[in-house]
Amino acid sequence: MKLTQLQKVLWTLAGAGVIASGSLSLWVDYRGYSTRQVQEPAFGADFELTDHQGTVRTDDDFAGQWLLVFFGFTNCPDICPMTLAEIAAVMDGLGENASRIQPLFITIDPERDTPEALADFVPRFDAGIIGLTGTPEQIGQTADSFHIYYDKIEEAAAPDGYTMGHSSQLFLFDQSGGYAASWQYGTPAEEILTDLRERIAE
């Protein structure tokens, strides 16, 4: 499996972001949110949000497809671009089976992440990722249904004077929208791809 040139560039930029914002990453890690796998009882994908083309989408729109779901924000300097680059590598590695899986990027920063902002961001990863946003209330409800943590953090050096702390696991939901698995941040794309191939072949 080979990364595209864009993905290599994103990995390089993301690596630089890790150095620049290591304190934030460590804050999230030490709080126990970014490295734990979900241990909650079975739950399902449940949302009604607006995609990066301005269309209202619900979980019902993706019935019959597997879903790869990641929560983040477009101004994220490290965790989000690195994870989305991994998703792109996984989708590339799936070959013909990629059509069976829909990756979703759900923002936890609706104040800045409008459909227009997502439309500028998600296509950069060239993986068919759909960006989703909504009102703060909608994002809060969606985060609750996915058992996701997020928090607005004041940071003078960040765009608009704040950044976001958030859970960073990658979720997998089956063709019926039921929770199937999750991978913690930093899991290699090859490991995710191997696991995913086994699951969708069942």
N, C-alpha and C. Protein backbone atom coordinates (compact mmCIF):
# COMPACT_ATOMS: atom_id res chain seq x y z
N MET A 1 0.85 -1.19 0.00
CA MET A 1 0.00 0.00 0.00
C MET A 1 0.88 1.24 0.00
N LYS A 2 0.63 2.19 -0.91
CA LYS A 2 1.42 3.39 -1.01
C LYS A 2 0.57 4.61 -0.72
N LEU A 3 1.14 5.54 0.00
CA LEU A 3 0.46 6.80 0.23
C LEU A 3 0.58 7.67 -1.01
N THR A 4 -0.45 8.44 -1.32
CA THR A 4 -0.37 9.41 -2.40
C THR A 4 0.57 10.52 -1.98
N GLN A 5 1.00 11.32 -2.96
CA GLN A 5 1.89 12.44 -2.65
C GLN A 5 1.24 13.39 -1.66
N LEU A 6 -0.09 13.63 -1.82
CA LEU A 6 -0.81 14.52 -0.91
C LEU A 6 -0.75 13.98 0.51
N GLN A 7 -0.97 12.68 0.64
CA GLN A 7 -0.96 12.09 1.98
C GLN A 7 0.42 12.20 2.62
N LYS A 8 1.48 12.05 1.81
CA LYS A 8 2.83 12.19 2.35
C LYS A 8 3.06 13.62 2.85
N VAL A 9 2.60 14.59 2.06
CA VAL A 9 2.72 15.98 2.47
C VAL A 9 1.97 16.23 3.76
N LEU A 10 0.74 15.69 3.85
CA LEU A 10 -0.07 15.88 5.05
C LEU A 10 0.60 15.26 6.26
N TRP A 11 1.21 14.08 6.07
CA TRP A 11 1.92 13.46 7.19
C TRP A 11 3.07 14.35 7.66
N THR A 12 3.79 14.94 6.69
CA THR A 12 4.90 15.81 7.06
C THR A 12 4.41 17.02 7.82
N LEU A 13 3.34 17.66 7.32
CA LEU A 13 2.78 18.83 8.00
C LEU A 13 2.23 18.44 9.36
N ALA A 14 1.57 17.29 9.42
CA ALA A 14 0.99 16.85 10.69
C ALA A 14 2.09 16.59 11.71
N GLY A 15 3.23 16.02 11.24
CA GLY A 15 4.34 15.78 12.15
C GLY A 15 4.86 17.07 12.74
N ALA A 16 4.94 18.10 11.90
CA ALA A 16 5.37 19.40 12.40
C ALA A 16 4.38 19.94 13.41
N GLY A 17 3.10 19.69 13.17
CA GLY A 17 2.07 20.16 14.09
C GLY A 17 2.17 19.49 15.44
N VAL A 18 2.59 18.22 15.43
CA VAL A 18 2.74 17.51 16.71
C VAL A 18 3.76 18.21 17.57
N ILE A 19 4.88 18.60 16.95
CA ILE A 19 5.92 19.29 17.72
C ILE A 19 5.41 20.63 18.21
N ALA A 20 4.69 21.34 17.34
CA ALA A 20 4.24 22.69 17.68
C ALA A 20 3.19 22.70 18.76
N SER A 21 2.40 21.62 18.82
CA SER A 21 1.28 21.64 19.77
C SER A 21 1.30 20.43 20.69
N GLY A 22 2.49 19.96 21.03
CA GLY A 22 2.59 18.78 21.86
C GLY A 22 1.90 18.93 23.20
N SER A 23 1.92 20.15 23.75
CA SER A 23 1.31 20.34 25.06
C SER A 23 -0.17 20.04 25.04
N LEU A 24 -0.86 20.44 23.95
CA LEU A 24 -2.29 20.17 23.85
C LEU A 24 -2.53 18.69 23.72
N SER A 25 -1.74 18.01 22.88
CA SER A 25 -1.92 16.57 22.70
C SER A 25 -1.73 15.84 24.01
N LEU A 26 -0.70 16.24 24.76
CA LEU A 26 -0.45 15.59 26.04
C LEU A 26 -1.59 15.86 27.00
N TRP A 27 -2.14 17.07 26.96
CA TRP A 27 -3.27 17.39 27.84
C TRP A 27 -4.42 16.43 27.57
N VAL A 28 -4.69 16.19 26.29
CA VAL A 28 -5.78 15.27 25.96
C VAL A 28 -5.43 13.86 26.39
N ASP A 29 -4.17 13.43 26.10
CA ASP A 29 -3.77 12.07 26.47
C ASP A 29 -3.86 11.84 27.97
N TYR A 30 -3.33 12.77 28.76
CA TYR A 30 -3.29 12.58 30.20
C TYR A 30 -4.69 12.59 30.80
N ARG A 31 -5.62 13.24 30.12
CA ARG A 31 -6.98 13.20 30.61
C ARG A 31 -7.64 11.85 30.33
N GLY A 32 -6.96 11.03 29.48
CA GLY A 32 -7.46 9.70 29.22
C GLY A 32 -8.47 9.63 28.09
N TYR A 33 -8.58 10.69 27.28
CA TYR A 33 -9.60 10.69 26.24
C TYR A 33 -9.08 10.24 24.89
N SER A 34 -7.84 10.53 24.58
CA SER A 34 -7.38 10.27 23.22
C SER A 34 -6.78 8.88 23.04
N THR A 35 -6.48 8.16 24.13
CA THR A 35 -5.83 6.89 23.97
C THR A 35 -6.70 5.71 24.37
N ARG A 36 -7.86 5.95 24.93
CA ARG A 36 -8.68 4.83 25.35
C ARG A 36 -9.55 4.34 24.20
N GLN A 37 -9.81 3.05 24.16
CA GLN A 37 -10.77 2.52 23.22
C GLN A 37 -12.13 2.54 23.90
N VAL A 38 -13.17 2.61 23.09
CA VAL A 38 -14.52 2.68 23.65
C VAL A 38 -14.86 1.36 24.33
N GLN A 39 -15.30 1.43 25.56
CA GLN A 39 -15.71 0.25 26.31
C GLN A 39 -17.17 0.33 26.69
N GLU A 40 -17.92 1.17 25.98
CA GLU A 40 -19.32 1.36 26.28
C GLU A 40 -20.15 0.19 25.78
N PRO A 41 -21.37 0.02 26.31
CA PRO A 41 -22.27 -0.99 25.77
C PRO A 41 -22.55 -0.68 24.30
N ALA A 42 -23.05 -1.67 23.58
CA ALA A 42 -23.32 -1.49 22.15
C ALA A 42 -24.21 -0.26 21.93
N PHE A 43 -23.87 0.51 20.92
CA PHE A 43 -24.67 1.68 20.57
C PHE A 43 -24.61 1.85 19.06
N GLY A 44 -25.41 2.73 18.54
CA GLY A 44 -25.48 2.89 17.11
C GLY A 44 -25.19 4.31 16.68
N ALA A 45 -24.84 4.46 15.40
CA ALA A 45 -24.64 5.78 14.83
C ALA A 45 -26.00 6.48 14.76
N ASP A 46 -26.07 7.69 15.30
CA ASP A 46 -27.34 8.42 15.37
C ASP A 46 -27.03 9.91 15.21
N PHE A 47 -27.43 10.49 14.07
CA PHE A 47 -27.15 11.91 13.86
C PHE A 47 -28.07 12.48 12.78
N GLU A 48 -28.24 13.79 12.84
CA GLU A 48 -28.87 14.58 11.78
C GLU A 48 -28.07 15.86 11.67
N LEU A 49 -27.22 15.94 10.65
CA LEU A 49 -26.28 17.03 10.50
C LEU A 49 -26.24 17.50 9.05
N THR A 50 -25.52 18.57 8.81
CA THR A 50 -25.41 19.12 7.45
C THR A 50 -24.03 18.81 6.89
N ASP A 51 -23.99 18.27 5.66
CA ASP A 51 -22.70 17.89 5.10
C ASP A 51 -22.00 19.09 4.46
N HIS A 52 -20.80 18.85 3.95
CA HIS A 52 -19.98 19.96 3.45
C HIS A 52 -20.47 20.50 2.11
N GLN A 53 -21.56 19.92 1.59
CA GLN A 53 -22.19 20.47 0.39
C GLN A 53 -23.53 21.14 0.71
N GLY A 54 -23.82 21.23 2.02
CA GLY A 54 -25.03 21.92 2.45
C GLY A 54 -26.27 21.06 2.52
N THR A 55 -26.11 19.74 2.39
CA THR A 55 -27.25 18.82 2.42
C THR A 55 -27.42 18.21 3.80
N VAL A 56 -28.63 18.18 4.31
CA VAL A 56 -28.90 17.55 5.60
C VAL A 56 -28.78 16.04 5.44
N ARG A 57 -27.98 15.43 6.30
CA ARG A 57 -27.75 13.99 6.24
C ARG A 57 -28.06 13.37 7.60
N THR A 58 -28.61 12.16 7.57
CA THR A 58 -28.84 11.38 8.79
C THR A 58 -28.16 10.03 8.63
N ASP A 59 -28.09 9.29 9.72
CA ASP A 59 -27.50 7.96 9.67
C ASP A 59 -28.26 7.05 8.70
N ASP A 60 -29.56 7.30 8.52
CA ASP A 60 -30.35 6.47 7.61
C ASP A 60 -29.86 6.58 6.17
N ASP A 61 -29.23 7.70 5.82
CA ASP A 61 -28.73 7.87 4.45
C ASP A 61 -27.63 6.88 4.10
N PHE A 62 -27.02 6.29 5.12
CA PHE A 62 -25.88 5.41 4.88
C PHE A 62 -26.20 3.94 5.20
N ALA A 63 -27.49 3.62 5.26
CA ALA A 63 -27.90 2.24 5.52
C ALA A 63 -27.31 1.33 4.46
N GLY A 64 -26.76 0.20 4.90
CA GLY A 64 -26.15 -0.76 3.98
C GLY A 64 -24.67 -0.55 3.78
N GLN A 65 -24.12 0.56 4.31
CA GLN A 65 -22.69 0.81 4.22
C GLN A 65 -22.05 0.73 5.60
N TRP A 66 -20.79 0.34 5.63
CA TRP A 66 -20.00 0.48 6.84
C TRP A 66 -19.59 1.95 6.97
N LEU A 67 -19.49 2.43 8.20
CA LEU A 67 -19.11 3.82 8.45
C LEU A 67 -17.82 3.89 9.27
N LEU A 68 -16.87 4.68 8.78
CA LEU A 68 -15.70 5.05 9.56
C LEU A 68 -15.94 6.48 10.04
N VAL A 69 -15.99 6.69 11.34
CA VAL A 69 -16.39 7.99 11.88
C VAL A 69 -15.30 8.55 12.79
N PHE A 70 -14.92 9.80 12.49
CA PHE A 70 -13.93 10.48 13.32
C PHE A 70 -14.44 11.87 13.66
N PHE A 71 -14.28 12.26 14.93
CA PHE A 71 -14.67 13.59 15.40
C PHE A 71 -13.42 14.46 15.52
N GLY A 72 -13.49 15.69 15.01
CA GLY A 72 -12.35 16.59 15.10
C GLY A 72 -12.74 17.98 14.66
N PHE A 73 -11.77 18.77 14.21
CA PHE A 73 -12.06 20.14 13.77
C PHE A 73 -11.00 20.58 12.77
N THR A 74 -11.37 21.48 11.88
CA THR A 74 -10.50 21.82 10.76
C THR A 74 -9.24 22.57 11.16
N ASN A 75 -9.25 23.26 12.30
CA ASN A 75 -8.07 23.99 12.77
C ASN A 75 -7.15 23.13 13.63
N CYS A 76 -7.47 21.87 13.75
CA CYS A 76 -6.65 20.93 14.53
C CYS A 76 -5.26 20.82 13.91
N PRO A 77 -4.20 21.03 14.69
CA PRO A 77 -2.86 21.06 14.11
C PRO A 77 -2.21 19.70 13.92
N ASP A 78 -2.70 18.65 14.56
CA ASP A 78 -1.97 17.38 14.50
C ASP A 78 -2.86 16.15 14.44
N ILE A 79 -3.62 15.88 15.49
CA ILE A 79 -4.38 14.64 15.59
C ILE A 79 -5.33 14.45 14.42
N CYS A 80 -6.07 15.49 14.07
CA CYS A 80 -7.09 15.36 13.01
C CYS A 80 -6.48 15.12 11.63
N PRO A 81 -5.53 15.95 11.17
CA PRO A 81 -4.96 15.68 9.85
C PRO A 81 -4.25 14.34 9.77
N MET A 82 -3.60 13.94 10.86
CA MET A 82 -2.92 12.65 10.86
C MET A 82 -3.93 11.51 10.75
N THR A 83 -5.03 11.61 11.49
CA THR A 83 -6.03 10.55 11.43
C THR A 83 -6.72 10.51 10.08
N LEU A 84 -7.04 11.66 9.52
CA LEU A 84 -7.68 11.69 8.21
C LEU A 84 -6.74 11.18 7.13
N ALA A 85 -5.45 11.44 7.26
CA ALA A 85 -4.47 10.87 6.32
C ALA A 85 -4.43 9.35 6.45
N GLU A 86 -4.57 8.84 7.67
CA GLU A 86 -4.63 7.39 7.86
C GLU A 86 -5.88 6.81 7.23
N ILE A 87 -7.01 7.50 7.40
CA ILE A 87 -8.25 7.05 6.78
C ILE A 87 -8.08 6.99 5.27
N ALA A 88 -7.44 8.00 4.70
CA ALA A 88 -7.21 8.02 3.26
C ALA A 88 -6.35 6.84 2.83
N ALA A 89 -5.33 6.51 3.63
CA ALA A 89 -4.47 5.37 3.31
C ALA A 89 -5.26 4.06 3.40
N VAL A 90 -6.12 3.96 4.41
CA VAL A 90 -6.95 2.76 4.56
C VAL A 90 -7.90 2.61 3.37
N MET A 91 -8.56 3.69 3.00
CA MET A 91 -9.49 3.64 1.88
C MET A 91 -8.77 3.26 0.59
N ASP A 92 -7.57 3.78 0.40
CA ASP A 92 -6.77 3.44 -0.77
C ASP A 92 -6.41 1.96 -0.75
N GLY A 93 -6.07 1.44 0.42
CA GLY A 93 -5.68 0.04 0.53
C GLY A 93 -6.83 -0.94 0.35
N LEU A 94 -8.06 -0.48 0.54
CA LEU A 94 -9.21 -1.37 0.40
C LEU A 94 -9.52 -1.71 -1.05
N GLY A 95 -9.02 -0.92 -1.97
CA GLY A 95 -9.27 -1.20 -3.38
C GLY A 95 -10.75 -1.18 -3.71
N GLU A 96 -11.25 -2.24 -4.36
CA GLU A 96 -12.65 -2.31 -4.76
C GLU A 96 -13.60 -2.29 -3.57
N ASN A 97 -13.15 -2.77 -2.42
CA ASN A 97 -14.02 -2.80 -1.23
C ASN A 97 -14.24 -1.42 -0.62
N ALA A 98 -13.52 -0.41 -1.09
CA ALA A 98 -13.68 0.93 -0.54
C ALA A 98 -15.10 1.45 -0.73
N SER A 99 -15.78 1.00 -1.76
CA SER A 99 -17.15 1.46 -2.02
C SER A 99 -18.13 0.98 -0.96
N ARG A 100 -17.73 0.01 -0.15
CA ARG A 100 -18.60 -0.52 0.90
C ARG A 100 -18.51 0.28 2.18
N ILE A 101 -17.57 1.23 2.23
CA ILE A 101 -17.30 1.98 3.46
C ILE A 101 -17.38 3.48 3.19
N GLN A 102 -18.08 4.20 4.07
CA GLN A 102 -18.17 5.65 3.96
C GLN A 102 -17.48 6.30 5.15
N PRO A 103 -16.39 7.04 4.93
CA PRO A 103 -15.77 7.77 6.03
C PRO A 103 -16.48 9.09 6.29
N LEU A 104 -16.69 9.41 7.58
CA LEU A 104 -17.34 10.64 8.00
C LEU A 104 -16.43 11.40 8.95
N PHE A 105 -16.34 12.71 8.74
CA PHE A 105 -15.61 13.59 9.65
C PHE A 105 -16.62 14.54 10.27
N ILE A 106 -16.88 14.38 11.57
CA ILE A 106 -17.87 15.19 12.27
C ILE A 106 -17.15 16.23 13.12
N THR A 107 -17.43 17.51 12.86
CA THR A 107 -16.74 18.56 13.60
C THR A 107 -17.27 18.67 15.02
N ILE A 108 -16.37 19.06 15.92
CA ILE A 108 -16.76 19.40 17.29
C ILE A 108 -16.57 20.91 17.52
N ASP A 109 -16.40 21.63 16.38
CA ASP A 109 -16.18 23.08 16.42
C ASP A 109 -17.13 23.76 15.42
N PRO A 110 -18.44 23.67 15.67
CA PRO A 110 -19.39 24.24 14.70
C PRO A 110 -19.30 25.75 14.55
N GLU A 111 -18.72 26.42 15.53
CA GLU A 111 -18.57 27.87 15.46
C GLU A 111 -17.74 28.29 14.25
N ARG A 112 -16.68 27.52 13.96
CA ARG A 112 -15.81 27.84 12.83
C ARG A 112 -16.04 26.90 11.64
N ASP A 113 -16.43 25.68 11.93
CA ASP A 113 -16.52 24.68 10.86
C ASP A 113 -17.90 24.68 10.21
N THR A 114 -18.11 25.67 9.38
CA THR A 114 -19.31 25.76 8.56
C THR A 114 -19.21 24.75 7.42
N PRO A 115 -20.30 24.51 6.69
CA PRO A 115 -20.19 23.65 5.50
C PRO A 115 -19.11 24.14 4.54
N GLU A 116 -18.99 25.46 4.40
CA GLU A 116 -17.98 26.01 3.50
C GLU A 116 -16.56 25.69 3.97
N ALA A 117 -16.33 25.80 5.28
CA ALA A 117 -15.01 25.48 5.82
C ALA A 117 -14.69 24.00 5.63
N LEU A 118 -15.68 23.15 5.85
CA LEU A 118 -15.48 21.71 5.65
C LEU A 118 -15.26 21.39 4.18
N ALA A 119 -15.95 22.12 3.30
CA ALA A 119 -15.80 21.89 1.86
C ALA A 119 -14.39 22.22 1.39
N ASP A 120 -13.73 23.12 2.08
CA ASP A 120 -12.34 23.46 1.76
C ASP A 120 -11.37 22.46 2.37
N PHE A 121 -11.79 21.81 3.44
CA PHE A 121 -10.88 20.95 4.22
C PHE A 121 -10.90 19.48 3.81
N VAL A 122 -12.06 18.84 3.85
CA VAL A 122 -12.09 17.38 3.68
C VAL A 122 -11.66 16.88 2.30
N PRO A 123 -11.93 17.62 1.19
CA PRO A 123 -11.48 17.10 -0.10
C PRO A 123 -9.97 17.02 -0.24
N ARG A 124 -9.23 17.69 0.61
CA ARG A 124 -7.77 17.64 0.55
C ARG A 124 -7.24 16.23 0.77
N PHE A 125 -8.03 15.39 1.42
CA PHE A 125 -7.56 14.05 1.76
C PHE A 125 -7.91 13.02 0.69
N ASP A 126 -8.69 13.41 -0.31
CA ASP A 126 -8.93 12.59 -1.49
C ASP A 126 -9.34 11.16 -1.11
N ALA A 127 -10.32 11.04 -0.22
CA ALA A 127 -10.73 9.71 0.23
C ALA A 127 -12.25 9.56 0.28
N GLY A 128 -12.97 10.50 -0.34
CA GLY A 128 -14.43 10.42 -0.31
C GLY A 128 -15.01 10.71 1.06
N ILE A 129 -14.25 11.40 1.90
CA ILE A 129 -14.72 11.72 3.25
C ILE A 129 -15.83 12.76 3.17
N ILE A 130 -16.90 12.54 3.93
CA ILE A 130 -17.98 13.52 4.04
C ILE A 130 -17.82 14.27 5.35
N GLY A 131 -17.75 15.59 5.27
CA GLY A 131 -17.68 16.42 6.47
C GLY A 131 -19.07 16.77 6.94
N LEU A 132 -19.29 16.75 8.24
CA LEU A 132 -20.61 17.02 8.81
C LEU A 132 -20.50 18.07 9.91
N THR A 133 -21.44 19.00 9.91
CA THR A 133 -21.50 20.03 10.94
C THR A 133 -22.96 20.27 11.30
N GLY A 134 -23.19 21.21 12.19
CA GLY A 134 -24.56 21.52 12.62
C GLY A 134 -24.55 22.64 13.62
N THR A 135 -25.66 22.84 14.28
CA THR A 135 -25.72 23.83 15.35
C THR A 135 -24.96 23.28 16.56
N PRO A 136 -24.57 24.15 17.49
CA PRO A 136 -23.91 23.65 18.70
C PRO A 136 -24.76 22.59 19.41
N GLU A 137 -26.08 22.77 19.39
CA GLU A 137 -26.96 21.80 20.04
C GLU A 137 -26.92 20.46 19.32
N GLN A 138 -26.93 20.50 17.99
CA GLN A 138 -26.87 19.26 17.23
C GLN A 138 -25.55 18.53 17.45
N ILE A 139 -24.46 19.29 17.46
CA ILE A 139 -23.16 18.67 17.69
C ILE A 139 -23.09 18.07 19.10
N GLY A 140 -23.64 18.78 20.07
CA GLY A 140 -23.66 18.26 21.44
C GLY A 140 -24.45 16.96 21.54
N GLN A 141 -25.60 16.91 20.91
CA GLN A 141 -26.42 15.71 20.93
C GLN A 141 -25.72 14.54 20.23
N THR A 142 -25.07 14.86 19.11
CA THR A 142 -24.35 13.81 18.37
C THR A 142 -23.18 13.28 19.18
N ALA A 143 -22.44 14.19 19.79
CA ALA A 143 -21.31 13.76 20.62
C ALA A 143 -21.77 12.88 21.77
N ASP A 144 -22.88 13.24 22.38
CA ASP A 144 -23.42 12.42 23.47
C ASP A 144 -23.79 11.03 22.98
N SER A 145 -24.40 10.95 21.81
CA SER A 145 -24.84 9.65 21.31
C SER A 145 -23.66 8.75 20.95
N PHE A 146 -22.51 9.37 20.60
CA PHE A 146 -21.31 8.61 20.26
C PHE A 146 -20.37 8.46 21.47
N HIS A 147 -20.77 8.99 22.62
CA HIS A 147 -19.93 8.95 23.83
C HIS A 147 -18.60 9.67 23.60
N ILE A 148 -18.69 10.84 22.97
CA ILE A 148 -17.51 11.62 22.62
C ILE A 148 -17.34 12.80 23.59
N TYR A 149 -16.09 13.03 24.00
CA TYR A 149 -15.74 14.18 24.82
C TYR A 149 -15.16 15.28 23.93
N TYR A 150 -15.53 16.54 24.20
CA TYR A 150 -14.83 17.66 23.58
C TYR A 150 -14.97 18.88 24.48
N ASP A 151 -14.03 19.82 24.30
CA ASP A 151 -14.02 21.00 25.16
C ASP A 151 -13.30 22.14 24.44
N LYS A 152 -13.81 23.34 24.60
CA LYS A 152 -13.19 24.53 24.02
C LYS A 152 -12.13 25.03 24.99
N ILE A 153 -10.93 25.27 24.48
CA ILE A 153 -9.79 25.65 25.32
C ILE A 153 -9.20 26.97 24.83
N GLU A 154 -9.13 27.96 25.68
CA GLU A 154 -8.52 29.23 25.32
C GLU A 154 -7.02 29.04 25.08
N GLU A 155 -6.56 29.55 23.94
CA GLU A 155 -5.14 29.47 23.60
C GLU A 155 -4.82 30.66 22.70
N ALA A 156 -4.08 31.60 23.22
CA ALA A 156 -3.85 32.87 22.53
C ALA A 156 -3.23 32.70 21.15
N ALA A 157 -2.36 31.70 20.99
CA ALA A 157 -1.65 31.52 19.73
C ALA A 157 -2.49 30.82 18.67
N ALA A 158 -3.62 30.25 19.06
CA ALA A 158 -4.45 29.50 18.12
C ALA A 158 -5.36 30.44 17.33
N PRO A 159 -5.84 30.01 16.16
CA PRO A 159 -6.78 30.84 15.39
C PRO A 159 -7.99 31.22 16.25
N ASP A 160 -8.37 32.49 16.22
CA ASP A 160 -9.51 33.00 16.98
C ASP A 160 -9.34 32.87 18.49
N GLY A 161 -8.12 32.58 18.94
CA GLY A 161 -7.82 32.54 20.36
C GLY A 161 -8.28 31.30 21.11
N TYR A 162 -8.63 30.24 20.38
CA TYR A 162 -9.00 29.01 21.08
C TYR A 162 -8.72 27.79 20.23
N THR A 163 -8.61 26.65 20.90
CA THR A 163 -8.50 25.36 20.24
C THR A 163 -9.49 24.41 20.89
N MET A 164 -9.47 23.14 20.48
CA MET A 164 -10.44 22.18 21.00
C MET A 164 -9.71 20.94 21.52
N GLY A 165 -10.06 20.51 22.73
CA GLY A 165 -9.64 19.21 23.21
C GLY A 165 -10.75 18.23 22.89
N HIS A 166 -10.40 17.00 22.49
CA HIS A 166 -11.45 16.06 22.07
C HIS A 166 -10.98 14.62 22.09
N SER A 167 -11.94 13.72 22.17
CA SER A 167 -11.65 12.29 22.00
C SER A 167 -11.11 12.07 20.60
N SER A 168 -10.25 11.08 20.44
CA SER A 168 -9.59 10.95 19.14
C SER A 168 -9.62 9.54 18.57
N GLN A 169 -10.51 8.69 19.08
CA GLN A 169 -10.58 7.36 18.50
C GLN A 169 -11.34 7.37 17.18
N LEU A 170 -11.05 6.40 16.35
CA LEU A 170 -11.73 6.21 15.08
C LEU A 170 -12.75 5.10 15.26
N PHE A 171 -14.01 5.39 14.93
CA PHE A 171 -15.09 4.43 15.11
C PHE A 171 -15.41 3.69 13.82
N LEU A 172 -15.85 2.45 13.97
CA LEU A 172 -16.40 1.67 12.86
C LEU A 172 -17.81 1.23 13.22
N PHE A 173 -18.75 1.49 12.31
CA PHE A 173 -20.13 1.03 12.48
C PHE A 173 -20.49 0.11 11.33
N ASP A 174 -21.27 -0.93 11.65
CA ASP A 174 -21.59 -1.92 10.63
C ASP A 174 -22.69 -1.43 9.69
N GLN A 175 -23.14 -2.31 8.80
CA GLN A 175 -24.09 -1.94 7.76
C GLN A 175 -25.48 -1.62 8.30
N SER A 176 -25.71 -1.99 9.55
CA SER A 176 -26.99 -1.66 10.20
C SER A 176 -26.86 -0.44 11.09
N GLY A 177 -25.66 0.17 11.12
CA GLY A 177 -25.43 1.35 11.95
C GLY A 177 -25.06 1.03 13.38
N GLY A 178 -24.77 -0.23 13.68
CA GLY A 178 -24.39 -0.62 15.03
C GLY A 178 -22.89 -0.51 15.24
N TYR A 179 -22.49 -0.15 16.45
CA TYR A 179 -21.07 -0.03 16.77
C TYR A 179 -20.38 -1.37 16.56
N ALA A 180 -19.26 -1.36 15.84
CA ALA A 180 -18.52 -2.58 15.55
C ALA A 180 -17.13 -2.60 16.19
N ALA A 181 -16.43 -1.45 16.16
CA ALA A 181 -15.07 -1.42 16.69
C ALA A 181 -14.60 0.02 16.80
N SER A 182 -13.46 0.21 17.46
CA SER A 182 -12.80 1.51 17.47
C SER A 182 -11.30 1.28 17.57
N TRP A 183 -10.56 2.24 17.07
CA TRP A 183 -9.10 2.20 17.13
C TRP A 183 -8.61 3.48 17.77
N GLN A 184 -7.69 3.36 18.70
CA GLN A 184 -7.19 4.53 19.38
C GLN A 184 -6.24 5.32 18.48
N TYR A 185 -6.08 6.58 18.79
CA TYR A 185 -5.22 7.45 18.01
C TYR A 185 -3.81 6.88 17.96
N GLY A 186 -3.24 6.89 16.76
CA GLY A 186 -1.89 6.38 16.58
C GLY A 186 -1.84 4.95 16.08
N THR A 187 -2.99 4.26 16.00
CA THR A 187 -3.00 2.92 15.44
C THR A 187 -2.57 2.99 13.98
N PRO A 188 -1.57 2.20 13.56
CA PRO A 188 -1.09 2.28 12.17
C PRO A 188 -2.18 1.95 11.16
N ALA A 189 -2.15 2.61 10.02
CA ALA A 189 -3.14 2.37 8.97
C ALA A 189 -3.15 0.90 8.56
N GLU A 190 -1.98 0.27 8.52
CA GLU A 190 -1.92 -1.14 8.12
C GLU A 190 -2.70 -2.04 9.07
N GLU A 191 -2.63 -1.71 10.37
CA GLU A 191 -3.36 -2.50 11.37
C GLU A 191 -4.86 -2.30 11.23
N ILE A 192 -5.27 -1.06 11.01
CA ILE A 192 -6.69 -0.78 10.81
C ILE A 192 -7.19 -1.48 9.55
N LEU A 193 -6.40 -1.43 8.49
CA LEU A 193 -6.79 -2.04 7.22
C LEU A 193 -6.96 -3.54 7.36
N THR A 194 -6.03 -4.19 8.05
CA THR A 194 -6.13 -5.64 8.24
C THR A 194 -7.39 -6.01 9.01
N ASP A 195 -7.64 -5.30 10.09
CA ASP A 195 -8.84 -5.54 10.91
C ASP A 195 -10.10 -5.29 10.09
N LEU A 196 -10.12 -4.21 9.35
CA LEU A 196 -11.29 -3.84 8.56
C LEU A 196 -11.59 -4.86 7.48
N ARG A 197 -10.56 -5.35 6.80
CA ARG A 197 -10.76 -6.35 5.77
C ARG A 197 -11.41 -7.61 6.34
N GLU A 198 -10.97 -8.03 7.52
CA GLU A 198 -11.54 -9.21 8.14
C GLU A 198 -13.00 -9.00 8.50
N ARG A 199 -13.32 -7.82 9.00
CA ARG A 199 -14.68 -7.54 9.44
C ARG A 199 -15.66 -7.46 8.26
N ILE A 200 -15.28 -6.77 7.20
CA ILE A 200 -16.23 -6.61 6.10
C ILE A 200 -16.34 -7.88 5.26
N ALA A 201 -15.40 -8.81 5.46
CA ALA A 201 -15.48 -10.08 4.74
C ALA A 201 -16.37 -11.09 5.42
N GLU A 202 -16.75 -10.82 6.68
CA GLU A 202 -17.57 -11.76 7.46
C GLU A 202 -18.97 -11.87 6.89
